Amino acid sequence: LLSSPNPTATAWDHVAAHVARRTPRLPLR
């Protein structure tokens, strides 16, 4: 993660994907 160009964004991508795999998407446009 630290070797990625943007560690914060890379970490967030993993967190958001982790949540998305385990919960339903909210009804947002």
PDB file of all heavy atoms in Angstrom:
ATOM      1  N   LEU A   1       0.827  -1.198   0.000  1.00  0.00           N
ATOM      2  CA  LEU A   1       0.000   0.000   0.000  1.00  0.00           C
ATOM      3  C   LEU A   1       0.867   1.257   0.000  1.00  0.00           C
ATOM      4  O   LEU A   1       0.614   2.196  -0.764  1.00  0.00           O
ATOM      5  CB  LEU A   1      -0.905  -0.023   1.239  1.00  0.00           C
ATOM      6  CG  LEU A   1      -1.887   1.105   1.402  1.00  0.00           C
ATOM      7  CD1 LEU A   1      -3.099   0.846   0.527  1.00  0.00           C
ATOM      8  CD2 LEU A   1      -2.308   1.198   2.846  1.00  0.00           C
ATOM      9  N   LEU A   2       1.906   1.257   0.815  1.00  0.00           N
ATOM     10  CA  LEU A   2       2.776   2.428   0.900  1.00  0.00           C
ATOM     11  C   LEU A   2       3.549   2.688  -0.387  1.00  0.00           C
ATOM     12  O   LEU A   2       3.953   3.818  -0.646  1.00  0.00           O
ATOM     13  CB  LEU A   2       3.761   2.284   2.059  1.00  0.00           C
ATOM     14  CG  LEU A   2       3.159   2.416   3.450  1.00  0.00           C
ATOM     15  CD1 LEU A   2       4.246   2.253   4.502  1.00  0.00           C
ATOM     16  CD2 LEU A   2       2.440   3.744   3.623  1.00  0.00           C
ATOM     17  N   SER A   3       3.739   1.660  -1.185  1.00  0.00           N
ATOM     18  CA  SER A   3       4.481   1.848  -2.434  1.00  0.00           C
ATOM     19  C   SER A   3       3.591   2.337  -3.577  1.00  0.00           C
ATOM     20  O   SER A   3       4.080   2.610  -4.667  1.00  0.00           O
ATOM     21  CB  SER A   3       5.196   0.555  -2.838  1.00  0.00           C
ATOM     22  OG  SER A   3       4.247  -0.434  -3.177  1.00  0.00           O
ATOM     23  N   SER A   4       2.299   2.450  -3.341  1.00  0.00           N
ATOM     24  CA  SER A   4       1.396   2.937  -4.387  1.00  0.00           C
ATOM     25  C   SER A   4       1.551   4.455  -4.537  1.00  0.00           C
ATOM     26  O   SER A   4       1.992   5.134  -3.607  1.00  0.00           O
ATOM     27  CB  SER A   4      -0.052   2.570  -4.060  1.00  0.00           C
ATOM     28  OG  SER A   4      -0.533   3.333  -2.991  1.00  0.00           O
ATOM     29  N   PRO A   5       1.179   5.003  -5.689  1.00  0.00           N
ATOM     30  CA  PRO A   5       1.320   6.458  -5.906  1.00  0.00           C
ATOM     31  C   PRO A   5       0.500   7.307  -4.930  1.00  0.00           C
ATOM     32  O   PRO A   5       0.887   8.412  -4.586  1.00  0.00           O
ATOM     33  CB  PRO A   5       0.826   6.666  -7.338  1.00  0.00           C
ATOM     34  CG  PRO A   5       0.878   5.333  -7.984  1.00  0.00           C
ATOM     35  CD  PRO A   5       0.723   4.313  -6.887  1.00  0.00           C
ATOM     36  N   ASN A   6      -0.657   6.783  -4.490  1.00  0.00           N
ATOM     37  CA  ASN A   6      -1.519   7.512  -3.555  1.00  0.00           C
ATOM     38  C   ASN A   6      -2.031   6.509  -2.520  1.00  0.00           C
ATOM     39  O   ASN A   6      -3.111   5.944  -2.679  1.00  0.00           O
ATOM     40  CB  ASN A   6      -2.683   8.169  -4.318  1.00  0.00           C
ATOM     41  CG  ASN A   6      -3.551   9.042  -3.436  1.00  0.00           C
ATOM     42  OD1 ASN A   6      -3.555   8.917  -2.208  1.00  0.00           O
ATOM     43  ND2 ASN A   6      -4.318   9.926  -4.052  1.00  0.00           N
ATOM     44  N   PRO A   7      -1.255   6.276  -1.449  1.00  0.00           N
ATOM     45  CA  PRO A   7      -1.646   5.267  -0.455  1.00  0.00           C
ATOM     46  C   PRO A   7      -3.027   5.498   0.156  1.00  0.00           C
ATOM     47  O   PRO A   7      -3.761   4.539   0.398  1.00  0.00           O
ATOM     48  CB  PRO A   7      -0.553   5.356   0.604  1.00  0.00           C
ATOM     49  CG  PRO A   7       0.633   5.880  -0.138  1.00  0.00           C
ATOM     50  CD  PRO A   7       0.061   6.835  -1.152  1.00  0.00           C
ATOM     51  N   THR A   8      -3.390   6.749   0.372  1.00  0.00           N
ATOM     52  CA  THR A   8      -4.700   7.038   0.955  1.00  0.00           C
ATOM     53  C   THR A   8      -5.815   6.584   0.027  1.00  0.00           C
ATOM     54  O   THR A   8      -6.772   5.939   0.460  1.00  0.00           O
ATOM     55  CB  THR A   8      -4.841   8.538   1.267  1.00  0.00           C
ATOM     56  OG1 THR A   8      -3.815   8.909   2.196  1.00  0.00           O
ATOM     57  CG2 THR A   8      -6.194   8.875   1.864  1.00  0.00           C
ATOM     58  N   ALA A   9      -5.693   6.901  -1.258  1.00  0.00           N
ATOM     59  CA  ALA A   9      -6.708   6.497  -2.233  1.00  0.00           C
ATOM     60  C   ALA A   9      -6.730   4.984  -2.404  1.00  0.00           C
ATOM     61  O   ALA A   9      -7.802   4.380  -2.506  1.00  0.00           O
ATOM     62  CB  ALA A   9      -6.459   7.178  -3.573  1.00  0.00           C
ATOM     63  N   THR A  10      -5.565   4.362  -2.413  1.00  0.00           N
ATOM     64  CA  THR A  10      -5.493   2.912  -2.555  1.00  0.00           C
ATOM     65  C   THR A  10      -6.140   2.226  -1.359  1.00  0.00           C
ATOM     66  O   THR A  10      -6.913   1.275  -1.516  1.00  0.00           O
ATOM     67  CB  THR A  10      -4.031   2.452  -2.717  1.00  0.00           C
ATOM     68  OG1 THR A  10      -3.478   3.111  -3.863  1.00  0.00           O
ATOM     69  CG2 THR A  10      -3.933   0.954  -2.900  1.00  0.00           C
ATOM     70  N   ALA A  11      -5.841   2.710  -0.163  1.00  0.00           N
ATOM     71  CA  ALA A  11      -6.460   2.151   1.046  1.00  0.00           C
ATOM     72  C   ALA A  11      -7.971   2.340   0.985  1.00  0.00           C
ATOM     73  O   ALA A  11      -8.734   1.404   1.276  1.00  0.00           O
ATOM     74  CB  ALA A  11      -5.887   2.813   2.297  1.00  0.00           C
ATOM     75  N   TRP A  12      -8.411   3.527   0.599  1.00  0.00           N
ATOM     76  CA  TRP A  12      -9.848   3.794   0.521  1.00  0.00           C
ATOM     77  C   TRP A  12     -10.525   2.861  -0.480  1.00  0.00           C
ATOM     78  O   TRP A  12     -11.613   2.348  -0.217  1.00  0.00           O
ATOM     79  CB  TRP A  12     -10.125   5.251   0.163  1.00  0.00           C
ATOM     80  CG  TRP A  12     -11.594   5.444  -0.058  1.00  0.00           C
ATOM     81  CD1 TRP A  12     -12.233   5.652  -1.237  1.00  0.00           C
ATOM     82  CD2 TRP A  12     -12.616   5.361   0.939  1.00  0.00           C
ATOM     83  NE1 TRP A  12     -13.590   5.706  -1.032  1.00  0.00           N
ATOM     84  CE2 TRP A  12     -13.853   5.536   0.286  1.00  0.00           C
ATOM     85  CE3 TRP A  12     -12.607   5.160   2.313  1.00  0.00           C
ATOM     86  CZ2 TRP A  12     -15.065   5.523   0.966  1.00  0.00           C
ATOM     87  CZ3 TRP A  12     -13.823   5.145   3.000  1.00  0.00           C
ATOM     88  CH2 TRP A  12     -15.029   5.327   2.332  1.00  0.00           C
ATOM     89  N   ASP A  13      -9.898   2.640  -1.620  1.00  0.00           N
ATOM     90  CA  ASP A  13     -10.476   1.733  -2.620  1.00  0.00           C
ATOM     91  C   ASP A  13     -10.721   0.351  -2.014  1.00  0.00           C
ATOM     92  O   ASP A  13     -11.759  -0.266  -2.256  1.00  0.00           O
ATOM     93  CB  ASP A  13      -9.572   1.616  -3.847  1.00  0.00           C
ATOM     94  CG  ASP A  13      -9.553   2.881  -4.696  1.00  0.00           C
ATOM     95  OD1 ASP A  13     -10.458   3.734  -4.536  1.00  0.00           O
ATOM     96  OD2 ASP A  13      -8.627   3.015  -5.516  1.00  0.00           O
ATOM     97  N   HIS A  14      -9.768  -0.124  -1.222  1.00  0.00           N
ATOM     98  CA  HIS A  14      -9.932  -1.437  -0.575  1.00  0.00           C
ATOM     99  C   HIS A  14     -11.051  -1.405   0.467  1.00  0.00           C
ATOM    100  O   HIS A  14     -11.846  -2.341   0.546  1.00  0.00           O
ATOM    101  CB  HIS A  14      -8.621  -1.890   0.078  1.00  0.00           C
ATOM    102  CG  HIS A  14      -7.586  -2.291  -0.908  1.00  0.00           C
ATOM    103  ND1 HIS A  14      -7.713  -3.401  -1.724  1.00  0.00           N
ATOM    104  CD2 HIS A  14      -6.397  -1.737  -1.227  1.00  0.00           C
ATOM    105  CE1 HIS A  14      -6.648  -3.509  -2.495  1.00  0.00           C
ATOM    106  NE2 HIS A  14      -5.842  -2.506  -2.217  1.00  0.00           N
ATOM    107  N   VAL A  15     -11.112  -0.350   1.241  1.00  0.00           N
ATOM    108  CA  VAL A  15     -12.151  -0.235   2.274  1.00  0.00           C
ATOM    109  C   VAL A  15     -13.536  -0.149   1.629  1.00  0.00           C
ATOM    110  O   VAL A  15     -14.459  -0.862   2.022  1.00  0.00           O
ATOM    111  CB  VAL A  15     -11.896   0.982   3.187  1.00  0.00           C
ATOM    112  CG1 VAL A  15     -13.081   1.244   4.108  1.00  0.00           C
ATOM    113  CG2 VAL A  15     -10.623   0.772   3.990  1.00  0.00           C
ATOM    114  N   ALA A  16     -13.685   0.712   0.638  1.00  0.00           N
ATOM    115  CA  ALA A  16     -14.975   0.876  -0.031  1.00  0.00           C
ATOM    116  C   ALA A  16     -15.414  -0.430  -0.707  1.00  0.00           C
ATOM    117  O   ALA A  16     -16.588  -0.809  -0.639  1.00  0.00           O
ATOM    118  CB  ALA A  16     -14.914   2.005  -1.054  1.00  0.00           C
ATOM    119  N   ALA A  17     -14.475  -1.132  -1.327  1.00  0.00           N
ATOM    120  CA  ALA A  17     -14.797  -2.418  -1.961  1.00  0.00           C
ATOM    121  C   ALA A  17     -15.186  -3.457  -0.909  1.00  0.00           C
ATOM    122  O   ALA A  17     -16.105  -4.253  -1.122  1.00  0.00           O
ATOM    123  CB  ALA A  17     -13.611  -2.905  -2.789  1.00  0.00           C
ATOM    124  N   HIS A  18     -14.499  -3.436   0.221  1.00  0.00           N
ATOM    125  CA  HIS A  18     -14.801  -4.364   1.313  1.00  0.00           C
ATOM    126  C   HIS A  18     -16.239  -4.152   1.807  1.00  0.00           C
ATOM    127  O   HIS A  18     -16.993  -5.111   1.984  1.00  0.00           O
ATOM    128  CB  HIS A  18     -13.786  -4.139   2.446  1.00  0.00           C
ATOM    129  CG  HIS A  18     -13.926  -5.066   3.600  1.00  0.00           C
ATOM    130  ND1 HIS A  18     -13.428  -6.341   3.592  1.00  0.00           N
ATOM    131  CD2 HIS A  18     -14.518  -4.902   4.807  1.00  0.00           C
ATOM    132  CE1 HIS A  18     -13.696  -6.931   4.744  1.00  0.00           C
ATOM    133  NE2 HIS A  18     -14.362  -6.067   5.497  1.00  0.00           N
ATOM    134  N   VAL A  19     -16.608  -2.905   1.993  1.00  0.00           N
ATOM    135  CA  VAL A  19     -17.970  -2.583   2.438  1.00  0.00           C
ATOM    136  C   VAL A  19     -18.979  -2.961   1.349  1.00  0.00           C
ATOM    137  O   VAL A  19     -20.019  -3.545   1.640  1.00  0.00           O
ATOM    138  CB  VAL A  19     -18.083  -1.092   2.828  1.00  0.00           C
ATOM    139  CG1 VAL A  19     -19.535  -0.684   3.074  1.00  0.00           C
ATOM    140  CG2 VAL A  19     -17.223  -0.789   4.054  1.00  0.00           C
ATOM    141  N   ALA A  20     -18.657  -2.660   0.097  1.00  0.00           N
ATOM    142  CA  ALA A  20     -19.582  -2.932  -1.014  1.00  0.00           C
ATOM    143  C   ALA A  20     -19.849  -4.426  -1.189  1.00  0.00           C
ATOM    144  O   ALA A  20     -20.964  -4.819  -1.540  1.00  0.00           O
ATOM    145  CB  ALA A  20     -19.020  -2.351  -2.314  1.00  0.00           C
ATOM    146  N   ARG A  21     -18.845  -5.260  -0.933  1.00  0.00           N
ATOM    147  CA  ARG A  21     -19.036  -6.709  -1.065  1.00  0.00           C
ATOM    148  C   ARG A  21     -19.938  -7.279   0.028  1.00  0.00           C
ATOM    149  O   ARG A  21     -20.495  -8.355  -0.130  1.00  0.00           O
ATOM    150  CB  ARG A  21     -17.683  -7.431  -1.021  1.00  0.00           C
ATOM    151  CG  ARG A  21     -16.889  -7.346  -2.306  1.00  0.00           C
ATOM    152  CD  ARG A  21     -15.669  -8.260  -2.275  1.00  0.00           C
ATOM    153  NE  ARG A  21     -14.747  -7.987  -1.190  1.00  0.00           N
ATOM    154  CZ  ARG A  21     -13.731  -7.124  -1.238  1.00  0.00           C
ATOM    155  NH1 ARG A  21     -13.514  -6.431  -2.332  1.00  0.00           N
ATOM    156  NH2 ARG A  21     -12.938  -6.959  -0.195  1.00  0.00           N
ATOM    157  N   ARG A  22     -20.073  -6.570   1.127  1.00  0.00           N
ATOM    158  CA  ARG A  22     -20.775  -7.124   2.280  1.00  0.00           C
ATOM    159  C   ARG A  22     -22.087  -6.420   2.637  1.00  0.00           C
ATOM    160  O   ARG A  22     -22.775  -6.843   3.559  1.00  0.00           O
ATOM    161  CB  ARG A  22     -19.836  -7.093   3.494  1.00  0.00           C
ATOM    162  CG  ARG A  22     -18.725  -8.117   3.357  1.00  0.00           C
ATOM    163  CD  ARG A  22     -17.531  -7.800   4.227  1.00  0.00           C
ATOM    164  NE  ARG A  22     -16.518  -8.835   4.098  1.00  0.00           N
ATOM    165  CZ  ARG A  22     -15.634  -8.894   3.109  1.00  0.00           C
ATOM    166  NH1 ARG A  22     -15.645  -7.988   2.154  1.00  0.00           N
ATOM    167  NH2 ARG A  22     -14.737  -9.862   3.059  1.00  0.00           N
ATOM    168  N   THR A  23     -22.401  -5.356   1.928  1.00  0.00           N
ATOM    169  CA  THR A  23     -23.626  -4.608   2.230  1.00  0.00           C
ATOM    170  C   THR A  23     -24.314  -4.208   0.928  1.00  0.00           C
ATOM    171  O   THR A  23     -23.667  -4.101  -0.115  1.00  0.00           O
ATOM    172  CB  THR A  23     -23.320  -3.320   3.033  1.00  0.00           C
ATOM    173  OG1 THR A  23     -22.478  -2.467   2.252  1.00  0.00           O
ATOM    174  CG2 THR A  23     -22.675  -3.623   4.364  1.00  0.00           C
ATOM    175  N   PRO A  24     -25.616  -3.944   0.993  1.00  0.00           N
ATOM    176  CA  PRO A  24     -26.306  -3.479  -0.222  1.00  0.00           C
ATOM    177  C   PRO A  24     -25.953  -2.025  -0.518  1.00  0.00           C
ATOM    178  O   PRO A  24     -25.642  -1.245   0.384  1.00  0.00           O
ATOM    179  CB  PRO A  24     -27.782  -3.629   0.128  1.00  0.00           C
ATOM    180  CG  PRO A  24     -27.848  -3.653   1.610  1.00  0.00           C
ATOM    181  CD  PRO A  24     -26.535  -4.173   2.106  1.00  0.00           C
ATOM    182  N   ARG A  25     -26.011  -1.691  -1.784  1.00  0.00           N
ATOM    183  CA  ARG A  25     -25.756  -0.314  -2.215  1.00  0.00           C
ATOM    184  C   ARG A  25     -26.935   0.536  -1.781  1.00  0.00           C
ATOM    185  O   ARG A  25     -28.093   0.112  -1.858  1.00  0.00           O
ATOM    186  CB  ARG A  25     -25.602  -0.295  -3.736  1.00  0.00           C
ATOM    187  CG  ARG A  25     -25.119   1.034  -4.288  1.00  0.00           C
ATOM    188  CD  ARG A  25     -25.030   0.938  -5.817  1.00  0.00           C
ATOM    189  NE  ARG A  25     -24.325   1.994  -6.480  1.00  0.00           N
ATOM    190  CZ  ARG A  25     -24.612   3.278  -6.469  1.00  0.00           C
ATOM    191  NH1 ARG A  25     -25.610   3.710  -5.754  1.00  0.00           N
ATOM    192  NH2 ARG A  25     -23.903   4.146  -7.145  1.00  0.00           N
ATOM    193  N   LEU A  26     -26.661   1.741  -1.339  1.00  0.00           N
ATOM    194  CA  LEU A  26     -27.724   2.656  -0.934  1.00  0.00           C
ATOM    195  C   LEU A  26     -28.380   3.243  -2.184  1.00  0.00           C
ATOM    196  O   LEU A  26     -27.717   3.409  -3.214  1.00  0.00           O
ATOM    197  CB  LEU A  26     -27.137   3.764  -0.054  1.00  0.00           C
ATOM    198  CG  LEU A  26     -26.478   3.281   1.244  1.00  0.00           C
ATOM    199  CD1 LEU A  26     -25.776   4.419   1.942  1.00  0.00           C
ATOM    200  CD2 LEU A  26     -27.505   2.635   2.146  1.00  0.00           C
ATOM    201  N   PRO A  27     -29.667   3.580  -2.110  1.00  0.00           N
ATOM    202  CA  PRO A  27     -30.370   4.096  -3.293  1.00  0.00           C
ATOM    203  C   PRO A  27     -30.042   5.566  -3.563  1.00  0.00           C
ATOM    204  O   PRO A  27     -30.848   6.465  -3.316  1.00  0.00           O
ATOM    205  CB  PRO A  27     -31.845   3.891  -2.937  1.00  0.00           C
ATOM    206  CG  PRO A  27     -31.864   3.987  -1.444  1.00  0.00           C
ATOM    207  CD  PRO A  27     -30.562   3.407  -0.968  1.00  0.00           C
ATOM    208  N   LEU A  28     -28.856   5.810  -4.073  1.00  0.00           N
ATOM    209  CA  LEU A  28     -28.412   7.168  -4.378  1.00  0.00           C
ATOM    210  C   LEU A  28     -28.186   7.298  -5.878  1.00  0.00           C
ATOM    211  O   LEU A  28     -27.696   6.373  -6.516  1.00  0.00           O
ATOM    212  CB  LEU A  28     -27.102   7.479  -3.651  1.00  0.00           C
ATOM    213  CG  LEU A  28     -27.123   7.373  -2.131  1.00  0.00           C
ATOM    214  CD1 LEU A  28     -25.715   7.544  -1.570  1.00  0.00           C
ATOM    215  CD2 LEU A  28     -28.058   8.413  -1.543  1.00  0.00           C
ATOM    216  N   ARG A  29     -28.537   8.461  -6.415  1.00  0.00           N
ATOM    217  CA  ARG A  29     -28.287   8.722  -7.839  1.00  0.00           C
ATOM    218  C   ARG A  29     -26.908   9.350  -7.970  1.00  0.00           C
ATOM    219  O   ARG A  29     -26.735  10.533  -7.678  1.00  0.00           O
ATOM    220  CB  ARG A  29     -29.358   9.647  -8.403  1.00  0.00           C
ATOM    221  CG  ARG A  29     -30.692   8.931  -8.561  1.00  0.00           C
ATOM    222  CD  ARG A  29     -31.728   9.858  -9.122  1.00  0.00           C
ATOM    223  NE  ARG A  29     -32.481  10.351  -7.961  1.00  0.00           N
ATOM    224  CZ  ARG A  29     -33.117  11.498  -7.902  1.00  0.00           C
ATOM    225  NH1 ARG A  29     -33.131  12.305  -8.923  1.00  0.00           N
ATOM    226  NH2 ARG A  29     -33.765  11.850  -6.813  1.00  0.00           N
TER     227      ARG A  29
END
